[in-house]
C-alpha atoms as a PDB file:
ATOM      1  CA  MET A   1       0.000   0.000   0.000  1.00  0.00           C
ATOM      2  CA  ASP A   2       1.202   3.527  -0.643  1.00  0.00           C
ATOM      3  CA  GLY A   3       1.843   6.165   2.000  1.00  0.00           C
ATOM      4  CA  GLU A   4      -1.669   7.551   1.719  1.00  0.00           C
ATOM      5  CA  GLY A   5      -3.193   4.154   2.371  1.00  0.00           C
ATOM      6  CA  THR A   6      -1.130   3.492   5.473  1.00  0.00           C
ATOM      7  CA  ARG A   7      -1.366   6.952   7.011  1.00  0.00           C
ATOM      8  CA  LYS A   8      -3.121   6.817  10.374  1.00  0.00           C
ATOM      9  CA  GLU A   9      -6.148   9.050  10.697  1.00  0.00           C
ATOM     10  CA  LYS A  10      -5.994  11.801  13.285  1.00  0.00           C
ATOM     11  CA  SER A  11      -8.215  11.644  16.322  1.00  0.00           C
ATOM     12  CA  ALA A  12     -11.186  13.939  16.813  1.00  0.00           C
ATOM     13  CA  ALA A  13      -9.236  15.652  19.608  1.00  0.00           C
ATOM     14  CA  PHE A  14      -6.357  16.440  17.240  1.00  0.00           C
ATOM     15  CA  GLU A  15      -8.727  17.794  14.599  1.00  0.00           C
ATOM     16  CA  GLN A  16     -10.305  20.010  17.253  1.00  0.00           C
ATOM     17  CA  PHE A  17      -6.862  21.264  18.265  1.00  0.00           C
ATOM     18  CA  LYS A  18      -5.942  21.968  14.654  1.00  0.00           C
ATOM     19  CA  TYR A  19      -9.194  23.813  14.092  1.00  0.00           C
ATOM     20  CA  GLU A  20      -8.798  26.008  17.167  1.00  0.00           C
ATOM     21  CA  PHE A  21      -5.210  27.051  16.539  1.00  0.00           C
ATOM     22  CA  PHE A  22      -4.751  26.828  12.779  1.00  0.00           C
ATOM     23  CA  ASP A  23      -7.968  26.549  10.768  1.00  0.00           C
ATOM     24  CA  ARG A  24     -10.176  29.246  12.284  1.00  0.00           C
ATOM     25  CA  SER A  25     -10.023  32.639  10.661  1.00  0.00           C
ATOM     26  CA  PRO A  26      -7.731  35.206  12.303  1.00  0.00           C
ATOM     27  CA  TYR A  27     -10.777  37.387  12.877  1.00  0.00           C
ATOM     28  CA  LEU A  28     -12.618  34.688  14.823  1.00  0.00           C
ATOM     29  CA  GLN A  29      -9.496  33.915  16.821  1.00  0.00           C
ATOM     30  CA  TRP A  30      -9.204  37.596  17.697  1.00  0.00           C
ATOM     31  CA  HIS A  31     -12.906  38.089  18.404  1.00  0.00           C
ATOM     32  CA  ASP A  32     -13.690  34.867  20.267  1.00  0.00           C
ATOM     33  CA  GLY A  33     -10.257  33.785  21.443  1.00  0.00           C
ATOM     34  CA  VAL A  34      -8.887  30.253  21.284  1.00  0.00           C
ATOM     35  CA  ASP A  35      -9.824  27.398  23.588  1.00  0.00           C
ATOM     36  CA  ALA A  36      -6.314  26.353  24.579  1.00  0.00           C
ATOM     37  CA  SER A  37      -7.662  23.539  26.746  1.00  0.00           C
ATOM     38  CA  VAL A  38      -8.203  21.391  23.652  1.00  0.00           C
ATOM     39  CA  VAL A  39      -4.526  20.413  23.702  1.00  0.00           C
ATOM     40  CA  SER A  40      -4.950  18.771  27.097  1.00  0.00           C
ATOM     41  CA  LYS A  41      -7.039  16.062  25.414  1.00  0.00           C
ATOM     42  CA  LEU A  42      -4.116  14.955  23.224  1.00  0.00           C
ATOM     43  CA  VAL A  43      -1.917  11.988  24.075  1.00  0.00           C
ATOM     44  CA  GLY A  44       1.151  10.213  22.737  1.00  0.00           C
ATOM     45  CA  VAL A  45       2.377  11.029  19.246  1.00  0.00           C
ATOM     46  CA  GLU A  46      -0.425  13.498  18.619  1.00  0.00           C
ATOM     47  CA  ARG A  47       0.496  15.463  21.736  1.00  0.00           C
ATOM     48  CA  ASP A  48       4.122  15.622  20.586  1.00  0.00           C
ATOM     49  CA  GLU A  49       3.050  16.700  17.103  1.00  0.00           C
ATOM     50  CA  ALA A  50       0.813  19.426  18.500  1.00  0.00           C
ATOM     51  CA  GLU A  51       3.653  20.683  20.692  1.00  0.00           C
ATOM     52  CA  ASN A  52       5.971  20.935  17.694  1.00  0.00           C
ATOM     53  CA  MET A  53       3.307  22.713  15.647  1.00  0.00           C
ATOM     54  CA  LEU A  54       2.713  25.230  18.425  1.00  0.00           C
ATOM     55  CA  ILE A  55       6.427  25.902  18.826  1.00  0.00           C
ATOM     56  CA  ALA A  56       6.777  26.569  15.099  1.00  0.00           C
ATOM     57  CA  SER A  57       3.700  28.781  15.231  1.00  0.00           C
ATOM     58  CA  ALA A  58       4.998  30.728  18.226  1.00  0.00           C
ATOM     59  CA  ILE A  59       8.301  31.374  16.472  1.00  0.00           C
ATOM     60  CA  LYS A  60       6.361  32.869  13.553  1.00  0.00           C
ATOM     61  CA  GLY A  61       4.455  35.153  15.905  1.00  0.00           C
ATOM     62  CA  ALA A  62       1.052  33.457  16.136  1.00  0.00           C
ATOM     63  CA  MET A  63      -0.828  35.251  18.900  1.00  0.00           C
ATOM     64  CA  HIS A  64      -2.343  32.214  20.642  1.00  0.00           C
ATOM     65  CA  ALA A  65       0.416  29.621  20.287  1.00  0.00           C
ATOM     66  CA  ALA A  66       1.930  30.523  23.653  1.00  0.00           C
ATOM     67  CA  ALA A  67      -1.349  29.660  25.394  1.00  0.00           C
ATOM     68  CA  GLY A  68      -1.280  26.195  23.849  1.00  0.00           C
ATOM     69  CA  LEU A  69       2.287  25.629  24.998  1.00  0.00           C
ATOM     70  CA  ALA A  70       1.311  26.829  28.461  1.00  0.00           C
ATOM     71  CA  GLU A  71      -1.559  24.347  28.541  1.00  0.00           C
ATOM     72  CA  LEU A  72       0.892  21.589  27.641  1.00  0.00           C
ATOM     73  CA  LYS A  73       3.371  22.827  30.267  1.00  0.00           C
ATOM     74  CA  SER A  74       5.859  22.586  27.422  1.00  0.00           C
ATOM     75  CA  THR A  75       9.410  22.768  28.772  1.00  0.00           C
ATOM     76  CA  LYS A  76      10.498  22.040  25.213  1.00  0.00           C
ATOM     77  CA  GLY A  77       8.880  25.281  24.126  1.00  0.00           C
ATOM     78  CA  LEU A  78      10.460  27.433  26.850  1.00  0.00           C
ATOM     79  CA  PRO A  79      13.678  28.385  24.998  1.00  0.00           C
ATOM     80  CA  PHE A  80      11.661  29.477  21.969  1.00  0.00           C
ATOM     81  CA  LEU A  81       9.205  31.480  24.057  1.00  0.00           C
ATOM     82  CA  LYS A  82      12.016  33.244  25.907  1.00  0.00           C
ATOM     83  CA  GLN A  83      13.775  34.070  22.665  1.00  0.00           C
ATOM     84  CA  ARG A  84      10.568  35.374  21.133  1.00  0.00           C
ATOM     85  CA  LEU A  85       9.838  37.479  24.216  1.00  0.00           C
ATOM     86  CA  GLU A  86      12.893  39.624  23.516  1.00  0.00           C
ATOM     87  CA  ALA A  87      11.536  40.632  20.106  1.00  0.00           C
ATOM     88  CA  VAL A  88       7.919  41.497  20.883  1.00  0.00           C
ATOM     89  CA  SER A  89       5.821  44.066  22.721  1.00  0.00           C
ATOM     90  CA  GLY A  90       2.297  44.654  23.908  1.00  0.00           C
ATOM     91  CA  VAL A  91      -0.273  41.855  23.970  1.00  0.00           C
ATOM     92  CA  GLU A  92       2.097  39.255  22.560  1.00  0.00           C
ATOM     93  CA  ARG A  93       4.671  40.114  25.202  1.00  0.00           C
ATOM     94  CA  VAL A  94       2.067  39.686  27.940  1.00  0.00           C
ATOM     95  CA  ARG A  95       0.875  36.350  26.596  1.00  0.00           C
ATOM     96  CA  ILE A  96       4.361  34.929  26.202  1.00  0.00           C
ATOM     97  CA  ALA A  97       5.415  36.034  29.675  1.00  0.00           C
ATOM     98  CA  ASP A  98       2.219  34.521  31.060  1.00  0.00           C
ATOM     99  CA  ALA A  99       2.942  31.251  29.247  1.00  0.00           C
ATOM    100  CA  ILE A 100       6.474  31.116  30.640  1.00  0.00           C
ATOM    101  CA  GLU A 101       5.125  31.694  34.150  1.00  0.00           C
ATOM    102  CA  THR A 102       2.509  28.976  33.688  1.00  0.00           C
ATOM    103  CA  ILE A 103       5.198  26.501  32.625  1.00  0.00           C
ATOM    104  CA  GLU A 104       7.923  27.474  35.113  1.00  0.00           C
ATOM    105  CA  GLY A 105       5.969  28.967  37.998  1.00  0.00           C
ATOM    106  CA  LYS A 106       8.974  30.861  39.329  1.00  0.00           C
ATOM    107  CA  GLY A 107       7.537  34.374  39.282  1.00  0.00           C
ATOM    108  CA  GLU A 108      10.500  35.680  37.308  1.00  0.00           C
ATOM    109  CA  TYR A 109       8.503  37.002  34.347  1.00  0.00           C
ATOM    110  CA  VAL A 110       5.625  38.682  36.162  1.00  0.00           C
ATOM    111  CA  HIS A 111       7.552  41.963  35.995  1.00  0.00           C
ATOM    112  CA  VAL A 112       7.223  41.833  32.203  1.00  0.00           C
ATOM    113  CA  VAL A 113       3.445  41.953  32.492  1.00  0.00           C
ATOM    114  CA  ILE A 114       3.615  44.703  35.113  1.00  0.00           C
ATOM    115  CA  ASP A 115       5.785  46.763  32.792  1.00  0.00           C
ATOM    116  CA  VAL A 116       3.196  46.524  30.019  1.00  0.00           C
ATOM    117  CA  LEU A 117       0.415  47.682  32.332  1.00  0.00           C
ATOM    118  CA  LEU A 118       2.419  50.647  33.580  1.00  0.00           C
ATOM    119  CA  HIS A 119       4.190  51.745  30.423  1.00  0.00           C
ATOM    120  CA  ALA A 120       2.467  50.517  27.260  1.00  0.00           C
ATOM    121  CA  GLU A 121       0.957  53.216  25.076  1.00  0.00           C
ATOM    122  CA  ALA A 122      -1.989  51.227  23.712  1.00  0.00           C
ATOM    123  CA  TRP A 123      -5.017  50.637  25.928  1.00  0.00           C
ATOM    124  CA  PHE A 124      -5.560  47.117  24.586  1.00  0.00           C
ATOM    125  CA  ASP A 125      -2.042  46.117  25.666  1.00  0.00           C
ATOM    126  CA  LYS A 126      -2.700  47.449  29.159  1.00  0.00           C
ATOM    127  CA  ILE A 127      -6.031  45.622  29.368  1.00  0.00           C
ATOM    128  CA  GLU A 128      -4.371  42.306  28.545  1.00  0.00           C
ATOM    129  CA  ALA A 129      -1.796  42.935  31.261  1.00  0.00           C
ATOM    130  CA  ALA A 130      -4.420  43.911  33.842  1.00  0.00           C
ATOM    131  CA  ILE A 131      -6.388  40.718  33.207  1.00  0.00           C
ATOM    132  CA  VAL A 132      -3.346  38.430  33.327  1.00  0.00           C
ATOM    133  CA  LEU A 133      -1.993  39.967  36.538  1.00  0.00           C
ATOM    134  CA  ARG A 134      -4.876  38.610  38.613  1.00  0.00           C
ATOM    135  CA  LYS A 135      -3.147  35.225  38.328  1.00  0.00           C
ATOM    136  CA  HIS A 136      -0.227  36.547  40.369  1.00  0.00           C
ATOM    137  CA  PRO A 137      -1.404  37.825  43.781  1.00  0.00           C
ATOM    138  CA  ARG A 138       1.725  39.502  45.097  1.00  0.00           C
ATOM    139  CA  GLN A 139       2.508  43.011  46.292  1.00  0.00           C
ATOM    140  CA  ASP A 140       4.189  44.452  43.196  1.00  0.00           C
ATOM    141  CA  VAL A 141       1.240  43.243  41.124  1.00  0.00           C
ATOM    142  CA  ILE A 142      -1.249  44.835  43.506  1.00  0.00           C
ATOM    143  CA  ASP A 143       0.694  48.107  43.446  1.00  0.00           C
ATOM    144  CA  ALA A 144       0.649  48.117  39.637  1.00  0.00           C
ATOM    145  CA  LEU A 145      -3.068  47.403  39.511  1.00  0.00           C
ATOM    146  CA  TRP A 146      -3.757  50.407  41.746  1.00  0.00           C
ATOM    147  CA  GLU A 147      -2.006  52.498  39.114  1.00  0.00           C
ATOM    148  CA  GLY A 148      -4.293  50.856  36.571  1.00  0.00           C
ATOM    149  CA  VAL A 149      -7.358  51.955  38.552  1.00  0.00           C
ATOM    150  CA  ILE A 150      -6.445  55.593  37.839  1.00  0.00           C
ATOM    151  CA  ASP A 151      -5.309  55.042  34.231  1.00  0.00           C
ATOM    152  CA  PRO A 152      -6.670  57.534  31.660  1.00  0.00           C
ATOM    153  CA  ASP A 153      -8.476  54.749  29.787  1.00  0.00           C
ATOM    154  CA  TYR A 154     -11.791  53.469  31.138  1.00  0.00           C
ATOM    155  CA  LEU A 155     -11.268  49.816  30.176  1.00  0.00           C
ATOM    156  CA  VAL A 156      -7.863  49.740  31.853  1.00  0.00           C
ATOM    157  CA  ARG A 157      -9.437  51.159  35.019  1.00  0.00           C
ATOM    158  CA  ASN A 158     -12.251  48.623  34.800  1.00  0.00           C
ATOM    159  CA  HIS A 159     -10.065  45.535  34.354  1.00  0.00           C
ATOM    160  CA  SER A 160      -7.518  46.675  36.925  1.00  0.00           C
ATOM    161  CA  SER A 161     -10.334  47.076  39.456  1.00  0.00           C
ATOM    162  CA  GLU A 162     -11.717  43.662  38.629  1.00  0.00           C
ATOM    163  CA  SER A 163      -8.319  42.023  39.015  1.00  0.00           C
ATOM    164  CA  LEU A 164      -7.928  43.618  42.439  1.00  0.00           C
ATOM    165  CA  LEU A 165     -11.333  42.273  43.449  1.00  0.00           C
ATOM    166  CA  ALA A 166     -10.390  38.806  42.179  1.00  0.00           C
ATOM    167  CA  ILE A 167      -7.038  38.823  43.991  1.00  0.00           C
ATOM    168  CA  HIS A 168      -8.823  39.666  47.233  1.00  0.00           C
ATOM    169  CA  GLY A 169     -11.283  36.816  46.791  1.00  0.00           C
ATOM    170  CA  LEU A 170     -14.304  38.906  45.838  1.00  0.00           C
ATOM    171  CA  ASP A 171     -16.683  38.748  42.902  1.00  0.00           C
ATOM    172  CA  PRO A 172     -14.595  40.470  40.208  1.00  0.00           C
ATOM    173  CA  ARG A 173     -17.473  42.366  38.605  1.00  0.00           C
ATOM    174  CA  ILE A 174     -16.770  45.981  39.485  1.00  0.00           C
ATOM    175  CA  ALA A 175     -20.123  47.004  37.996  1.00  0.00           C
ATOM    176  CA  GLY A 176     -21.725  45.345  41.022  1.00  0.00           C
ATOM    177  CA  HIS A 177     -20.323  48.167  43.176  1.00  0.00           C
ATOM    178  CA  LYS A 178     -22.328  50.973  41.627  1.00  0.00           C
ATOM    179  CA  GLU A 179     -20.810  53.972  43.417  1.00  0.00           C
ATOM    180  CA  ILE A 180     -17.242  52.913  42.666  1.00  0.00           C
ATOM    181  CA  PHE A 181     -18.142  51.891  39.137  1.00  0.00           C
ATOM    182  CA  SER A 182     -19.764  55.256  38.404  1.00  0.00           C
ATOM    183  CA  LEU A 183     -16.547  57.013  39.442  1.00  0.00           C
ATOM    184  CA  ILE A 184     -14.430  54.697  37.282  1.00  0.00           C
ATOM    185  CA  CYS A 185     -16.646  55.463  34.291  1.00  0.00           C
ATOM    186  CA  VAL A 186     -16.116  59.242  34.437  1.00  0.00           C
ATOM    187  CA  ASP A 187     -14.247  60.408  31.341  1.00  0.00           C
ATOM    188  CA  LYS A 188     -15.172  64.100  31.378  1.00  0.00           C
ATOM    189  CA  GLU A 189     -15.206  66.822  33.999  1.00  0.00           C
ATOM    190  CA  ALA A 190     -18.107  66.257  36.349  1.00  0.00           C
ATOM    191  CA  GLY A 191     -19.222  68.067  39.463  1.00  0.00           C
ATOM    192  CA  GLY A 192     -16.401  70.553  39.084  1.00  0.00           C
ATOM    193  CA  LYS A 193     -13.788  67.792  39.219  1.00  0.00           C
ATOM    194  CA  ALA A 194     -11.414  66.606  36.508  1.00  0.00           C
ATOM    195  CA  PRO A 195     -11.778  62.929  35.501  1.00  0.00           C
ATOM    196  CA  HIS A 196      -8.584  61.956  37.308  1.00  0.00           C
ATOM    197  CA  GLU A 197      -9.986  63.227  40.599  1.00  0.00           C
ATOM    198  CA  HIS A 198     -12.959  60.905  40.231  1.00  0.00           C
ATOM    199  CA  HIS A 199     -10.637  57.976  39.484  1.00  0.00           C
ATOM    200  CA  VAL A 200      -8.572  58.717  42.580  1.00  0.00           C
ATOM    201  CA  GLN A 201     -11.817  58.807  44.569  1.00  0.00           C
ATOM    202  CA  ALA A 202     -12.784  55.444  43.044  1.00  0.00           C
ATOM    203  CA  ALA A 203      -9.425  53.966  44.072  1.00  0.00           C
ATOM    204  CA  ALA A 204      -9.895  55.188  47.636  1.00  0.00           C
ATOM    205  CA  ALA A 205     -13.396  53.709  47.813  1.00  0.00           C
ATOM    206  CA  LEU A 206     -12.156  50.413  46.369  1.00  0.00           C
ATOM    207  CA  LYS A 207      -9.353  50.263  48.930  1.00  0.00           C
ATOM    208  CA  GLU A 208     -11.881  50.740  51.702  1.00  0.00           C
ATOM    209  CA  LEU A 209     -14.057  47.982  50.244  1.00  0.00           C
ATOM    210  CA  LEU A 210     -11.108  45.585  50.155  1.00  0.00           C
ATOM    211  CA  ARG A 211     -10.057  46.484  53.711  1.00  0.00           C
ATOM    212  CA  ALA A 212     -13.574  45.807  54.932  1.00  0.00           C
ATOM    213  CA  ALA A 213     -13.595  42.443  53.181  1.00  0.00           C
ATOM    214  CA  LYS A 214     -10.504  41.136  54.972  1.00  0.00           C
ATOM    215  CA  PRO A 215     -11.117  38.125  57.218  1.00  0.00           C
ATOM    216  CA  GLY A 216     -11.638  39.099  60.821  1.00  0.00           C
ATOM    217  CA  ARG A 217     -12.917  42.573  60.020  1.00  0.00           C
END
């Protein structure tokens, strides 16, 4: 029999993996994200093949490949992720640093994500950083998120607030705290105050909420 006749068919899990990471349109991947958990269903040769495909994809700059390698806890992919990290910025930098942390768990790359939140120019880069940082409940992260609460962009303020709520074990939906949320939403002068003054007031109210929520209070 020829090669085509002897080729083993791929499993449904592998086809699902391939669809999520390689066959969906870039627009749908951007709009809906990628379900990285599909790679956890792979075993044996197919798992190894998927790992190699994701490494090659990450090297080329595919936005979601790092998440797949993180799901696999791919130590094989680490050198390639670290090399790629040096050449990228913004969202991709956040996602690669997050993947490295997921694989290694040493806390050595959290500062990369903090740096994006504090210093990136684009709001969408800062949002990605604010969301990812809730995975790392430590003091420098919390300090950075407080800066995010008073960021000029509403969505950065919103996601930074929600990450702080999540880190402190509360329901992360800031919209559930109407008074604080209304202050976060201010983008124009209101009540004789500049927007930043309202955001500082929101941060103070959020700090009080978190203090009150501490065990034993």
